[in-house]
C-alpha atoms as a PDB file:
ATOM      1  CA  MET A   1       3.425 -17.334  13.469  1.00  0.00           C
ATOM      2  CA  ALA A   2       0.024 -17.765  11.863  1.00  0.00           C
ATOM      3  CA  ASP A   3      -0.341 -18.572   8.169  1.00  0.00           C
ATOM      4  CA  HIS A   4      -2.659 -15.616   7.696  1.00  0.00           C
ATOM      5  CA  LEU A   5      -2.455 -12.271   9.512  1.00  0.00           C
ATOM      6  CA  GLU A   6      -4.794  -9.327   8.973  1.00  0.00           C
ATOM      7  CA  ALA A   7      -5.001  -5.732  10.118  1.00  0.00           C
ATOM      8  CA  SER A   8      -7.445  -3.016   9.145  1.00  0.00           C
ATOM      9  CA  VAL A   9      -8.107   0.613   9.926  1.00  0.00           C
ATOM     10  CA  THR A  10     -10.905   2.924   8.784  1.00  0.00           C
ATOM     11  CA  LEU A  11     -10.028   6.598   8.574  1.00  0.00           C
ATOM     12  CA  PRO A  12     -11.878   9.793   7.672  1.00  0.00           C
ATOM     13  CA  SER A  13     -11.422  11.004   4.092  1.00  0.00           C
ATOM     14  CA  ASP A  14      -9.201  13.831   5.189  1.00  0.00           C
ATOM     15  CA  PRO A  15      -5.663  14.697   4.061  1.00  0.00           C
ATOM     16  CA  ALA A  16      -4.382  14.154   7.624  1.00  0.00           C
ATOM     17  CA  SER A  17      -5.458  10.520   7.366  1.00  0.00           C
ATOM     18  CA  VAL A  18      -2.826   9.761   4.719  1.00  0.00           C
ATOM     19  CA  SER A  19       0.006   9.824   7.262  1.00  0.00           C
ATOM     20  CA  ALA A  20      -2.111   7.777   9.691  1.00  0.00           C
ATOM     21  CA  ALA A  21      -2.632   5.155   6.960  1.00  0.00           C
ATOM     22  CA  ARG A  22       1.120   4.985   6.272  1.00  0.00           C
ATOM     23  CA  ALA A  23       1.933   4.674   9.975  1.00  0.00           C
ATOM     24  CA  HIS A  24      -0.670   1.939  10.446  1.00  0.00           C
ATOM     25  CA  VAL A  25       0.626  -0.186   7.571  1.00  0.00           C
ATOM     26  CA  VAL A  26       4.332   0.205   8.309  1.00  0.00           C
ATOM     27  CA  GLY A  27       3.743  -0.413  12.027  1.00  0.00           C
ATOM     28  CA  THR A  28       1.781  -3.539  11.203  1.00  0.00           C
ATOM     29  CA  LEU A  29       4.515  -4.840   8.898  1.00  0.00           C
ATOM     30  CA  VAL A  30       7.132  -4.234  11.600  1.00  0.00           C
ATOM     31  CA  GLU A  31       5.002  -6.227  14.073  1.00  0.00           C
ATOM     32  CA  TRP A  32       4.923  -9.042  11.504  1.00  0.00           C
ATOM     33  CA  GLY A  33       8.716  -9.064  11.096  1.00  0.00           C
ATOM     34  CA  MET A  34       9.415  -6.610   8.275  1.00  0.00           C
ATOM     35  CA  PRO A  35      12.281  -4.300   9.310  1.00  0.00           C
ATOM     36  CA  ALA A  36      11.207  -0.651   9.107  1.00  0.00           C
ATOM     37  CA  ASP A  37      14.309   0.146   7.055  1.00  0.00           C
ATOM     38  CA  ALA A  38      13.773  -2.647   4.510  1.00  0.00           C
ATOM     39  CA  GLU A  39      13.421  -1.551   0.903  1.00  0.00           C
ATOM     40  CA  LEU A  40      10.020  -3.240   0.696  1.00  0.00           C
ATOM     41  CA  SER A  41       8.880  -1.218   3.706  1.00  0.00           C
ATOM     42  CA  ASP A  42       9.775   2.007   1.884  1.00  0.00           C
ATOM     43  CA  THR A  43       7.966   0.790  -1.234  1.00  0.00           C
ATOM     44  CA  VAL A  44       4.857  -0.108   0.766  1.00  0.00           C
ATOM     45  CA  ARG A  45       4.960   3.276   2.521  1.00  0.00           C
ATOM     46  CA  LEU A  46       4.894   5.081  -0.831  1.00  0.00           C
ATOM     47  CA  ILE A  47       2.190   2.823  -2.284  1.00  0.00           C
ATOM     48  CA  VAL A  48      -0.046   3.330   0.764  1.00  0.00           C
ATOM     49  CA  SER A  49       0.555   7.058   0.613  1.00  0.00           C
ATOM     50  CA  GLU A  50      -0.544   7.192  -3.028  1.00  0.00           C
ATOM     51  CA  LEU A  51      -3.559   4.906  -2.499  1.00  0.00           C
ATOM     52  CA  ALA A  52      -4.758   6.846   0.547  1.00  0.00           C
ATOM     53  CA  THR A  53      -4.210  10.189  -1.192  1.00  0.00           C
ATOM     54  CA  ASN A  54      -6.292   8.978  -4.135  1.00  0.00           C
ATOM     55  CA  ALA A  55      -9.065   7.829  -1.774  1.00  0.00           C
ATOM     56  CA  VAL A  56      -9.138  11.286  -0.171  1.00  0.00           C
ATOM     57  CA  GLN A  57      -8.727  13.472  -3.267  1.00  0.00           C
ATOM     58  CA  HIS A  58     -10.713  11.658  -5.933  1.00  0.00           C
ATOM     59  CA  THR A  59     -13.892  10.662  -4.112  1.00  0.00           C
ATOM     60  CA  PHE A  60     -15.168  14.237  -4.200  1.00  0.00           C
ATOM     61  CA  GLY A  61     -16.667  14.077  -0.712  1.00  0.00           C
ATOM     62  CA  GLN A  62     -18.802  11.044  -1.635  1.00  0.00           C
ATOM     63  CA  SER A  63     -16.772   8.692   0.558  1.00  0.00           C
ATOM     64  CA  PRO A  64     -16.652   9.994   4.142  1.00  0.00           C
ATOM     65  CA  THR A  65     -14.121   7.291   5.099  1.00  0.00           C
ATOM     66  CA  PHE A  66     -11.686   4.876   3.549  1.00  0.00           C
ATOM     67  CA  THR A  67     -10.394   1.574   4.862  1.00  0.00           C
ATOM     68  CA  VAL A  68      -6.857   0.252   4.663  1.00  0.00           C
ATOM     69  CA  ASP A  69      -6.424  -3.521   4.891  1.00  0.00           C
ATOM     70  CA  VAL A  70      -3.130  -5.368   5.242  1.00  0.00           C
ATOM     71  CA  VAL A  71      -2.934  -9.148   4.935  1.00  0.00           C
ATOM     72  CA  LEU A  72       0.121 -11.372   5.203  1.00  0.00           C
ATOM     73  CA  VAL A  73      -0.398 -14.797   3.657  1.00  0.00           C
ATOM     74  CA  ARG A  74       1.953 -17.640   4.672  1.00  0.00           C
ATOM     75  CA  HIS A  75       4.919 -15.282   4.785  1.00  0.00           C
ATOM     76  CA  GLU A  76       4.825 -15.355   1.003  1.00  0.00           C
ATOM     77  CA  ARG A  77       2.948 -12.242   0.017  1.00  0.00           C
ATOM     78  CA  VAL A  78       1.548  -9.101   1.526  1.00  0.00           C
ATOM     79  CA  HIS A  79      -1.749  -7.647   0.340  1.00  0.00           C
ATOM     80  CA  ILE A  80      -2.518  -3.945   0.822  1.00  0.00           C
ATOM     81  CA  GLY A  81      -5.959  -2.682  -0.128  1.00  0.00           C
ATOM     82  CA  VAL A  82      -7.617   0.712   0.146  1.00  0.00           C
ATOM     83  CA  THR A  83     -11.404   0.755  -0.100  1.00  0.00           C
ATOM     84  CA  ASP A  84     -13.654   3.772  -0.488  1.00  0.00           C
ATOM     85  CA  SER A  85     -17.357   4.122  -1.193  1.00  0.00           C
ATOM     86  CA  HIS A  86     -17.091   6.174  -4.409  1.00  0.00           C
ATOM     87  CA  PRO A  87     -18.107   4.122  -7.461  1.00  0.00           C
ATOM     88  CA  ARG A  88     -15.767   5.764  -9.978  1.00  0.00           C
ATOM     89  CA  PHE A  89     -12.693   3.704 -10.802  1.00  0.00           C
ATOM     90  CA  PRO A  90      -9.359   5.507 -11.082  1.00  0.00           C
ATOM     91  CA  LYS A  91      -8.402   6.635 -14.548  1.00  0.00           C
ATOM     92  CA  ARG A  92      -4.964   7.167 -15.918  1.00  0.00           C
ATOM     93  CA  LEU A  93      -4.685  10.876 -16.618  1.00  0.00           C
ATOM     94  CA  PRO A  94      -2.469  12.287 -19.329  1.00  0.00           C
ATOM     95  CA  ALA A  95       0.631  13.531 -17.544  1.00  0.00           C
ATOM     96  CA  ALA A  96       1.106  17.031 -18.864  1.00  0.00           C
ATOM     97  CA  VAL A  97       4.504  18.563 -18.213  1.00  0.00           C
ATOM     98  CA  GLN A  98       2.995  21.335 -16.066  1.00  0.00           C
ATOM     99  CA  GLN A  99       0.597  19.043 -14.178  1.00  0.00           C
ATOM    100  CA  ASP A 100       1.200  18.738 -10.423  1.00  0.00           C
ATOM    101  CA  ASN A 101      -0.929  15.644  -9.857  1.00  0.00           C
ATOM    102  CA  GLY A 102      -2.462  12.679 -11.653  1.00  0.00           C
ATOM    103  CA  ARG A 103       0.554  10.387 -11.484  1.00  0.00           C
ATOM    104  CA  GLY A 104      -0.335   8.390  -8.351  1.00  0.00           C
ATOM    105  CA  LEU A 105      -1.642   5.328 -10.135  1.00  0.00           C
ATOM    106  CA  VAL A 106       1.332   5.363 -12.510  1.00  0.00           C
ATOM    107  CA  ILE A 107       3.694   5.421  -9.519  1.00  0.00           C
ATOM    108  CA  ILE A 108       1.777   2.580  -7.867  1.00  0.00           C
ATOM    109  CA  ARG A 109       1.869   0.487 -11.064  1.00  0.00           C
ATOM    110  CA  CYS A 110       5.610   1.014 -11.499  1.00  0.00           C
ATOM    111  CA  LEU A 111       6.490   0.214  -7.888  1.00  0.00           C
ATOM    112  CA  THR A 112       4.259  -2.849  -7.916  1.00  0.00           C
ATOM    113  CA  ALA A 113       5.778  -4.168 -11.156  1.00  0.00           C
ATOM    114  CA  GLU A 114       9.303  -3.465  -9.919  1.00  0.00           C
ATOM    115  CA  CYS A 115       8.650  -5.683  -6.884  1.00  0.00           C
ATOM    116  CA  GLY A 116       7.075  -8.469  -8.933  1.00  0.00           C
ATOM    117  CA  GLY A 117       3.632  -7.704  -7.561  1.00  0.00           C
ATOM    118  CA  ARG A 118       0.169  -7.175  -8.934  1.00  0.00           C
ATOM    119  CA  LEU A 119      -2.270  -4.240  -8.885  1.00  0.00           C
ATOM    120  CA  ARG A 120      -6.033  -4.834  -8.915  1.00  0.00           C
ATOM    121  CA  ILE A 121      -9.081  -2.617  -8.870  1.00  0.00           C
ATOM    122  CA  ARG A 122     -12.390  -4.243  -7.992  1.00  0.00           C
ATOM    123  CA  PRO A 123     -15.876  -3.012  -7.182  1.00  0.00           C
ATOM    124  CA  THR A 124     -17.258  -3.631  -3.700  1.00  0.00           C
ATOM    125  CA  ARG A 125     -20.716  -5.040  -2.975  1.00  0.00           C
ATOM    126  CA  GLU A 126     -21.653  -1.679  -1.489  1.00  0.00           C
ATOM    127  CA  GLY A 127     -20.939   0.167  -4.742  1.00  0.00           C
ATOM    128  CA  GLY A 128     -17.457   1.495  -4.005  1.00  0.00           C
ATOM    129  CA  LYS A 129     -14.092   0.088  -5.010  1.00  0.00           C
ATOM    130  CA  THR A 130     -10.937  -1.445  -3.616  1.00  0.00           C
ATOM    131  CA  VAL A 131      -7.555  -0.680  -5.113  1.00  0.00           C
ATOM    132  CA  SER A 132      -5.144  -3.339  -3.947  1.00  0.00           C
ATOM    133  CA  VAL A 133      -1.562  -4.400  -4.379  1.00  0.00           C
ATOM    134  CA  ASP A 134      -0.098  -7.853  -3.769  1.00  0.00           C
ATOM    135  CA  LEU A 135       3.659  -7.949  -3.220  1.00  0.00           C
ATOM    136  CA  PRO A 136       6.076 -10.778  -2.479  1.00  0.00           C
ATOM    137  CA  TRP A 137       6.857 -10.688   1.252  1.00  0.00           C
ATOM    138  CA  VAL A 138      10.048 -12.719   1.031  1.00  0.00           C
ATOM    139  CA  GLN A 139      11.878 -10.082  -0.974  1.00  0.00           C
ATOM    140  CA  GLY A 140      11.742  -7.488   1.791  1.00  0.00           C
ATOM    141  CA  VAL A 141      12.587  -9.794   4.675  1.00  0.00           C
ATOM    142  CA  GLN A 142      15.367 -11.658   2.844  1.00  0.00           C
ATOM    143  CA  ALA A 143      16.971  -8.420   1.690  1.00  0.00           C
ATOM    144  CA  ALA A 144      16.987  -7.090   5.253  1.00  0.00           C
ATOM    145  CA  GLU A 145      18.383 -10.389   6.561  1.00  0.00           C
ATOM    146  CA  ALA A 146      21.110 -10.359   3.891  1.00  0.00           C
ATOM    147  CA  VAL A 147      22.195  -6.844   4.881  1.00  0.00           C
ATOM    148  CA  THR A 148      22.253  -7.844   8.556  1.00  0.00           C
ATOM    149  CA  ALA A 149      24.225 -11.017   7.790  1.00  0.00           C
ATOM    150  CA  ALA A 150      26.726  -9.111   5.635  1.00  0.00           C
ATOM    151  CA  GLY A 151      27.258  -6.611   8.457  1.00  0.00           C
ATOM    152  CA  GLN A 152      27.857  -9.410  10.943  1.00  0.00           C
ATOM    153  CA  GLN A 153      30.370 -11.152   8.626  1.00  0.00           C
ATOM    154  CA  GLU A 154      32.439  -7.992   8.243  1.00  0.00           C
ATOM    155  CA  SER A 155      32.846  -7.596  12.018  1.00  0.00           C
END
C-alpha cells in the first residue's frame, strides 16, 4: 500500500451533507484497512459529523460548499480536515445548561485528545478556514486486530 493516500469530497452546505460526509470518510477508511466497527472508526465518524455540522451551521450561508479531506500517512496517522469559505474561526461558546448547541468543538477537542491526536484551525489562502484533526492510525487498526485475534484464540 502507498505511503500516502488521499481522498476528498466537496459537498453543498446543507444539513443533508453531514451524513454524506460521514459516509465518505468511514467508507474511505474501510477501503484503507480500518474495520468499520473499530473504535477509531466510531470516533472519526463523530468528529466528522461535528466538523461538517459546524461547516453547515456556522457559515451563515457565506460558504455554499465545504470540503472534507482524508489523508493516511505511512499507516501512522490519519488526517481529517473540513474546509469552508467563511473567514470566521470557531469560538468556544459558554455551555449554558439549557443550551442545545455550541458544544461541537468541545466534543471534537475531547475525542481528539482521548485518541492522542491534535486539533488545528488554519486560514486558507482563499480567506476561509480548515478545521483538521490528526489521529494515530495504528490505534484503531491494532485494536481491531487484537479483538479479532482474541476471538480466534478462544475458538
